[in-house]
């Protein structure tokens, strides 16, 4: 099977087809500054083909729990903003490693705490390790502390 050659500039439809991201989401990414297009003489958006990798990076980052603001910050810091290279990806992975480790720890702790509540139905503010672990919130005074902080 012969490899399909991608032109240097692609339409939003082709970008959508290649990445699996809807056209409206691509327009949203562009409004947020995550990707950039140029307009042709007919005023249609055209994207450089390297945007396929940037959109792929956005999808991976979103799946791992990073916000679009986090992703934009990282993209702005890439030395080679025109293309995501292997070196760029390795640097991102290194920087995101500690954040991913924190997320894994938080989710593991949440999972382990939930086993205490399954089936009991009490959700007692005095005893519940999910809503009020070790009654730390009680030391801050009365009221819905989690809602105001």
Protein backbone atom coordinates (compact mmCIF):
# COMPACT_ATOMS: atom_id res chain seq x y z
CA UNK A 1 0.00 0.00 0.00
CA UNK A 2 1.39 3.37 -1.02
CA UNK A 3 1.73 6.05 1.66
CA UNK A 4 -0.66 8.95 1.19
CA UNK A 5 1.18 12.25 0.75
CA UNK A 6 -0.24 15.09 2.79
CA UNK A 7 0.02 18.58 1.32
CA UNK A 8 1.85 21.24 3.33
CA UNK A 9 -1.44 23.07 4.00
CA UNK A 10 -4.64 21.21 4.86
CA UNK A 11 -8.28 22.19 5.24
CA UNK A 12 -10.13 22.07 8.54
CA UNK A 13 -12.06 19.09 7.14
CA UNK A 14 -8.88 17.16 6.43
CA UNK A 15 -7.49 18.07 9.86
CA UNK A 16 -10.71 16.79 11.41
CA UNK A 17 -10.52 13.58 9.39
CA UNK A 18 -6.86 12.97 10.28
CA UNK A 19 -7.25 13.65 14.03
CA UNK A 20 -10.81 12.48 14.73
CA UNK A 21 -11.59 15.88 16.26
CA UNK A 22 -14.75 17.64 15.14
CA UNK A 23 -14.49 20.79 13.06
CA UNK A 24 -16.23 22.78 15.80
CA UNK A 25 -13.67 21.56 18.37
CA UNK A 26 -10.83 22.56 16.04
CA UNK A 27 -12.34 26.03 15.70
CA UNK A 28 -12.59 26.14 19.51
CA UNK A 29 -8.92 25.16 19.85
CA UNK A 30 -8.05 27.94 17.45
CA UNK A 31 -10.08 30.52 19.39
CA UNK A 32 -8.22 29.42 22.53
CA UNK A 33 -4.85 29.88 20.78
CA UNK A 34 -3.88 26.21 20.82
CA UNK A 35 -3.61 25.97 17.04
CA UNK A 36 -3.32 28.53 14.26
CA UNK A 37 -4.59 28.68 10.72
CA UNK A 38 -4.16 30.97 7.76
CA UNK A 39 -6.87 32.10 5.37
CA UNK A 40 -6.59 31.44 1.65
CA UNK A 41 -7.88 33.74 -1.10
CA UNK A 42 -11.38 32.26 -0.65
CA UNK A 43 -11.18 33.01 3.10
CA UNK A 44 -11.09 29.30 4.02
CA UNK A 45 -8.97 28.18 6.94
CA UNK A 46 -5.81 26.28 6.06
CA UNK A 47 -3.59 24.63 8.63
CA UNK A 48 0.04 23.65 8.22
CA UNK A 49 0.21 19.86 8.30
CA UNK A 50 2.28 19.89 11.52
CA UNK A 51 -0.92 20.92 13.34
CA UNK A 52 -1.96 17.25 13.14
CA UNK A 53 0.72 16.46 15.75
CA UNK A 54 -0.24 19.43 17.90
CA UNK A 55 -3.89 18.32 17.94
CA UNK A 56 -2.75 14.80 18.81
CA UNK A 57 -0.70 16.19 21.70
CA UNK A 58 -3.75 18.17 22.89
CA UNK A 59 -5.86 15.00 22.87
CA UNK A 60 -3.30 13.00 24.85
CA UNK A 61 -2.88 15.81 27.37
CA UNK A 62 -6.64 16.17 27.83
CA UNK A 63 -7.02 12.41 28.37
CA UNK A 64 -4.47 12.57 31.15
CA UNK A 65 -6.39 15.34 32.89
CA UNK A 66 -4.59 18.50 31.83
CA UNK A 67 -6.68 21.60 31.22
CA UNK A 68 -6.58 23.53 27.97
CA UNK A 69 -4.86 26.35 29.87
CA UNK A 70 -2.12 23.95 31.00
CA UNK A 71 -1.73 22.68 27.45
CA UNK A 72 -1.57 26.20 26.01
CA UNK A 73 1.10 27.11 28.52
CA UNK A 74 3.16 24.08 27.55
CA UNK A 75 2.72 24.70 23.83
CA UNK A 76 3.84 28.31 24.26
CA UNK A 77 6.99 27.03 25.95
CA UNK A 78 7.98 24.68 23.16
CA UNK A 79 11.13 25.91 21.47
CA UNK A 80 9.97 24.53 18.14
CA UNK A 81 6.34 25.74 18.02
CA UNK A 82 6.05 25.02 14.31
CA UNK A 83 6.36 21.24 14.85
CA UNK A 84 6.19 18.91 17.82
CA UNK A 85 9.41 16.94 17.67
CA UNK A 86 10.41 13.84 19.58
CA UNK A 87 12.60 16.04 21.79
CA UNK A 88 9.65 18.36 22.47
CA UNK A 89 7.50 15.37 23.44
CA UNK A 90 10.20 14.02 25.78
CA UNK A 91 10.52 17.41 27.49
CA UNK A 92 6.75 17.63 27.94
CA UNK A 93 6.69 14.10 29.35
CA UNK A 94 9.41 14.97 31.85
CA UNK A 95 7.64 18.12 32.99
CA UNK A 96 4.26 16.38 33.25
CA UNK A 97 5.63 13.31 35.05
CA UNK A 98 5.35 14.77 38.55
CA UNK A 99 1.88 16.17 37.89
CA UNK A 100 0.72 12.80 36.59
CA UNK A 101 2.22 11.08 39.64
CA UNK A 102 0.23 13.45 41.89
CA UNK A 103 -2.99 12.71 40.00
CA UNK A 104 -2.37 8.96 40.28
CA UNK A 105 -1.77 9.28 44.02
CA UNK A 106 -4.92 11.37 44.51
CA UNK A 107 -7.07 8.94 42.55
CA UNK A 108 -5.61 5.95 44.39
CA UNK A 109 -6.33 7.59 47.75
CA UNK A 110 -9.88 8.45 46.66
CA UNK A 111 -10.47 4.87 45.51
CA UNK A 112 -9.15 3.49 48.79
CA UNK A 113 -11.25 5.88 50.88
CA UNK A 114 -14.42 4.98 48.98
CA UNK A 115 -14.29 1.41 50.23
CA UNK A 116 -15.13 2.71 53.71
CA UNK A 117 -18.36 4.25 52.45
CA UNK A 118 -19.70 1.63 50.08
CA UNK A 119 -22.92 0.32 51.55
CA UNK A 120 -22.88 2.32 54.80
CA UNK A 121 -24.86 5.31 53.54
CA UNK A 122 -24.00 7.42 56.58
CA UNK A 123 -21.57 9.96 55.11
CA UNK A 124 -21.18 11.28 58.64
CA UNK A 125 -19.22 14.53 58.72
CA UNK A 126 -17.57 13.31 61.92
CA UNK A 127 -16.35 10.01 60.48
CA UNK A 128 -16.36 10.25 56.69
CA UNK A 129 -12.83 10.11 55.26
CA UNK A 130 -14.05 11.47 51.91
CA UNK A 131 -15.93 14.58 53.00
CA UNK A 132 -13.98 15.41 56.16
CA UNK A 133 -10.74 13.46 56.45
CA UNK A 134 -9.44 13.46 60.03
CA UNK A 135 -11.89 16.32 60.80
CA UNK A 136 -9.39 18.87 59.50
CA UNK A 137 -12.21 21.14 58.41
CA UNK A 138 -13.69 21.25 61.90
CA UNK A 139 -10.65 23.17 63.07
CA UNK A 140 -11.44 25.98 60.61
CA UNK A 141 -14.87 26.75 62.07
CA UNK A 142 -18.48 26.11 61.17
CA UNK A 143 -19.92 26.24 57.67
CA UNK A 144 -19.37 24.73 54.27
CA UNK A 145 -15.58 25.17 54.08
CA UNK A 146 -15.08 23.17 50.90
CA UNK A 147 -17.54 25.40 49.06
CA UNK A 148 -15.83 28.68 50.02
CA UNK A 149 -12.14 27.83 49.62
